[in-house]
């Protein structure tokens, strides 16, 4: 399996926007679901959003509902996370991962594998 590659992170001021991308191999993307996770220093990795790869069914953690949108381009085996109205508490390393078990929602790290190396998002106040 080839690791997914995340991109699009950066530093923005509060209220700004970023769009993360996750490019995966065809094998990795032939999975039941894909998810975005984040981990801030000293905190556990948490699931942010997830999508079933064969449908438009999505899940968002409460703290990002209405601000983040997960989407996918199946033809390109690419996952996206559009982030608006960013807050300092959104600062973290963001990872994408593939989920092959039935436990896609909520996105729980132990049920996902094939992780990318992450892309840093920093939001300043």
C-alpha atoms as a PDB file:
ATOM      1  CA  UNK A   1       0.000   0.000   0.000  1.00  0.00           C
ATOM      2  CA  UNK A   2       1.197   3.470  -0.791  1.00  0.00           C
ATOM      3  CA  UNK A   3       0.704   6.114   1.850  1.00  0.00           C
ATOM      4  CA  UNK A   4      -1.783   8.857   1.072  1.00  0.00           C
ATOM      5  CA  UNK A   5      -0.201  12.281   0.642  1.00  0.00           C
ATOM      6  CA  UNK A   6      -1.808  15.258   2.302  1.00  0.00           C
ATOM      7  CA  UNK A   7      -1.276  18.831   1.140  1.00  0.00           C
ATOM      8  CA  UNK A   8      -2.796  22.271   1.496  1.00  0.00           C
ATOM      9  CA  UNK A   9      -1.962  23.070   5.075  1.00  0.00           C
ATOM     10  CA  UNK A  10      -0.524  26.399   6.133  1.00  0.00           C
ATOM     11  CA  UNK A  11      -0.798  29.351   8.457  1.00  0.00           C
ATOM     12  CA  UNK A  12      -3.871  31.562   8.416  1.00  0.00           C
ATOM     13  CA  UNK A  13      -5.535  34.076  10.664  1.00  0.00           C
ATOM     14  CA  UNK A  14      -8.719  33.291  12.504  1.00  0.00           C
ATOM     15  CA  UNK A  15     -11.666  33.444  10.161  1.00  0.00           C
ATOM     16  CA  UNK A  16      -9.621  32.332   7.192  1.00  0.00           C
ATOM     17  CA  UNK A  17      -9.989  29.306   4.971  1.00  0.00           C
ATOM     18  CA  UNK A  18      -7.866  26.417   3.771  1.00  0.00           C
ATOM     19  CA  UNK A  19      -8.486  23.448   1.523  1.00  0.00           C
ATOM     20  CA  UNK A  20      -6.681  20.224   2.327  1.00  0.00           C
ATOM     21  CA  UNK A  21      -6.148  17.490  -0.238  1.00  0.00           C
ATOM     22  CA  UNK A  22      -5.308  13.835   0.204  1.00  0.00           C
ATOM     23  CA  UNK A  23      -4.039  11.959  -2.842  1.00  0.00           C
ATOM     24  CA  UNK A  24      -4.273   8.185  -2.458  1.00  0.00           C
ATOM     25  CA  UNK A  25      -3.415   5.171  -4.533  1.00  0.00           C
ATOM     26  CA  UNK A  26      -6.201   3.352  -6.320  1.00  0.00           C
ATOM     27  CA  UNK A  27      -5.832   0.466  -3.883  1.00  0.00           C
ATOM     28  CA  UNK A  28      -6.017   2.717  -0.835  1.00  0.00           C
ATOM     29  CA  UNK A  29      -9.048   4.488  -2.213  1.00  0.00           C
ATOM     30  CA  UNK A  30     -10.821   1.189  -2.909  1.00  0.00           C
ATOM     31  CA  UNK A  31     -11.875   1.267   0.682  1.00  0.00           C
ATOM     32  CA  UNK A  32     -15.160   1.654   2.501  1.00  0.00           C
ATOM     33  CA  UNK A  33     -14.516   5.132   3.804  1.00  0.00           C
ATOM     34  CA  UNK A  34     -11.944   7.892   4.052  1.00  0.00           C
ATOM     35  CA  UNK A  35     -11.499  10.195   6.975  1.00  0.00           C
ATOM     36  CA  UNK A  36      -9.756  13.345   8.127  1.00  0.00           C
ATOM     37  CA  UNK A  37      -8.206  13.409  11.560  1.00  0.00           C
ATOM     38  CA  UNK A  38      -6.213  15.973  13.501  1.00  0.00           C
ATOM     39  CA  UNK A  39      -3.831  15.952  16.383  1.00  0.00           C
ATOM     40  CA  UNK A  40      -2.766  18.978  18.374  1.00  0.00           C
ATOM     41  CA  UNK A  41       0.352  18.895  20.571  1.00  0.00           C
ATOM     42  CA  UNK A  42      -0.328  17.040  23.786  1.00  0.00           C
ATOM     43  CA  UNK A  43      -3.736  15.853  22.653  1.00  0.00           C
ATOM     44  CA  UNK A  44      -5.085  12.614  21.270  1.00  0.00           C
ATOM     45  CA  UNK A  45      -5.783  12.224  17.589  1.00  0.00           C
ATOM     46  CA  UNK A  46      -9.428  12.962  16.860  1.00  0.00           C
ATOM     47  CA  UNK A  47     -11.693  12.293  13.924  1.00  0.00           C
ATOM     48  CA  UNK A  48     -12.835  15.444  12.159  1.00  0.00           C
ATOM     49  CA  UNK A  49     -14.854  14.205   9.197  1.00  0.00           C
ATOM     50  CA  UNK A  50     -15.406  11.072   7.173  1.00  0.00           C
ATOM     51  CA  UNK A  51     -17.089  10.026   3.951  1.00  0.00           C
ATOM     52  CA  UNK A  52     -18.207   6.733   2.486  1.00  0.00           C
ATOM     53  CA  UNK A  53     -16.268   6.347  -0.746  1.00  0.00           C
ATOM     54  CA  UNK A  54     -19.212   4.865  -2.605  1.00  0.00           C
ATOM     55  CA  UNK A  55     -21.714   7.515  -1.646  1.00  0.00           C
ATOM     56  CA  UNK A  56     -22.143  11.063  -0.434  1.00  0.00           C
ATOM     57  CA  UNK A  57     -22.742   9.999   3.131  1.00  0.00           C
ATOM     58  CA  UNK A  58     -20.631  12.103   5.465  1.00  0.00           C
ATOM     59  CA  UNK A  59     -19.947  12.619   9.139  1.00  0.00           C
ATOM     60  CA  UNK A  60     -18.602  15.658  10.984  1.00  0.00           C
ATOM     61  CA  UNK A  61     -17.557  16.072  14.542  1.00  0.00           C
ATOM     62  CA  UNK A  62     -19.631  18.730  16.299  1.00  0.00           C
ATOM     63  CA  UNK A  63     -16.849  21.291  16.541  1.00  0.00           C
ATOM     64  CA  UNK A  64     -16.504  21.600  12.753  1.00  0.00           C
ATOM     65  CA  UNK A  65     -20.094  21.245  11.593  1.00  0.00           C
ATOM     66  CA  UNK A  66     -21.086  24.124   9.357  1.00  0.00           C
ATOM     67  CA  UNK A  67     -17.455  25.169   8.856  1.00  0.00           C
ATOM     68  CA  UNK A  68     -15.739  22.148   7.251  1.00  0.00           C
ATOM     69  CA  UNK A  69     -16.811  20.171   4.206  1.00  0.00           C
ATOM     70  CA  UNK A  70     -15.409  16.789   3.229  1.00  0.00           C
ATOM     71  CA  UNK A  71     -15.601  15.767  -0.406  1.00  0.00           C
ATOM     72  CA  UNK A  72     -14.003  13.378  -2.835  1.00  0.00           C
ATOM     73  CA  UNK A  73     -13.059  12.966  -6.459  1.00  0.00           C
ATOM     74  CA  UNK A  74     -13.232   9.234  -7.039  1.00  0.00           C
ATOM     75  CA  UNK A  75     -11.760   9.552 -10.528  1.00  0.00           C
ATOM     76  CA  UNK A  76      -8.648  11.102  -9.009  1.00  0.00           C
ATOM     77  CA  UNK A  77      -8.613   9.007  -5.815  1.00  0.00           C
ATOM     78  CA  UNK A  78      -8.457  12.278  -3.936  1.00  0.00           C
ATOM     79  CA  UNK A  79     -10.093  13.388  -0.733  1.00  0.00           C
ATOM     80  CA  UNK A  80     -10.626  17.016   0.229  1.00  0.00           C
ATOM     81  CA  UNK A  81     -11.384  18.996   3.353  1.00  0.00           C
ATOM     82  CA  UNK A  82     -12.587  22.548   2.797  1.00  0.00           C
ATOM     83  CA  UNK A  83     -12.215  24.540   5.993  1.00  0.00           C
ATOM     84  CA  UNK A  84     -13.856  27.920   6.548  1.00  0.00           C
ATOM     85  CA  UNK A  85     -14.112  30.217   9.576  1.00  0.00           C
ATOM     86  CA  UNK A  86     -10.984  28.703  11.037  1.00  0.00           C
ATOM     87  CA  UNK A  87     -10.368  29.130  14.738  1.00  0.00           C
ATOM     88  CA  UNK A  88      -7.142  28.946  16.749  1.00  0.00           C
ATOM     89  CA  UNK A  89      -8.428  25.699  18.270  1.00  0.00           C
ATOM     90  CA  UNK A  90      -8.354  24.158  14.792  1.00  0.00           C
ATOM     91  CA  UNK A  91      -4.557  24.319  14.908  1.00  0.00           C
ATOM     92  CA  UNK A  92      -3.221  20.785  14.530  1.00  0.00           C
ATOM     93  CA  UNK A  93      -1.555  18.316  12.232  1.00  0.00           C
ATOM     94  CA  UNK A  94      -4.208  17.014   9.873  1.00  0.00           C
ATOM     95  CA  UNK A  95      -4.112  13.458   8.555  1.00  0.00           C
ATOM     96  CA  UNK A  96      -6.179  11.480   6.115  1.00  0.00           C
ATOM     97  CA  UNK A  97      -6.672   7.743   6.429  1.00  0.00           C
ATOM     98  CA  UNK A  98      -8.575   4.887   4.856  1.00  0.00           C
ATOM     99  CA  UNK A  99     -11.124   2.856   6.759  1.00  0.00           C
ATOM    100  CA  UNK A 100     -11.827  -0.752   5.775  1.00  0.00           C
ATOM    101  CA  UNK A 101     -13.945  -1.884   8.696  1.00  0.00           C
ATOM    102  CA  UNK A 102     -17.656  -1.291   9.124  1.00  0.00           C
ATOM    103  CA  UNK A 103     -16.892   1.326  11.750  1.00  0.00           C
ATOM    104  CA  UNK A 104     -16.610   4.406   9.590  1.00  0.00           C
ATOM    105  CA  UNK A 105     -18.733   6.838  11.601  1.00  0.00           C
ATOM    106  CA  UNK A 106     -17.746   8.456  13.841  1.00  0.00           C
ATOM    107  CA  UNK A 107     -14.196   8.363  12.484  1.00  0.00           C
ATOM    108  CA  UNK A 108     -12.226   6.615  15.201  1.00  0.00           C
ATOM    109  CA  UNK A 109      -8.482   6.293  14.636  1.00  0.00           C
ATOM    110  CA  UNK A 110      -8.220   2.622  15.629  1.00  0.00           C
ATOM    111  CA  UNK A 111     -10.659   1.658  12.857  1.00  0.00           C
ATOM    112  CA  UNK A 112      -8.671   3.446  10.168  1.00  0.00           C
ATOM    113  CA  UNK A 113      -5.365   2.488   8.632  1.00  0.00           C
ATOM    114  CA  UNK A 114      -3.086   3.543   5.786  1.00  0.00           C
ATOM    115  CA  UNK A 115      -2.287   6.941   7.190  1.00  0.00           C
ATOM    116  CA  UNK A 116      -0.627   9.818   5.462  1.00  0.00           C
ATOM    117  CA  UNK A 117       2.166  11.823   7.075  1.00  0.00           C
ATOM    118  CA  UNK A 118       0.006  14.842   7.713  1.00  0.00           C
ATOM    119  CA  UNK A 119      -0.148  18.510   6.851  1.00  0.00           C
ATOM    120  CA  UNK A 120       0.119  21.256   9.460  1.00  0.00           C
ATOM    121  CA  UNK A 121      -2.647  23.802   9.939  1.00  0.00           C
ATOM    122  CA  UNK A 122      -1.910  26.793  12.145  1.00  0.00           C
ATOM    123  CA  UNK A 123      -4.567  29.380  12.916  1.00  0.00           C
ATOM    124  CA  UNK A 124      -3.520  32.565  14.681  1.00  0.00           C
ATOM    125  CA  UNK A 125      -5.830  34.855  16.595  1.00  0.00           C
END
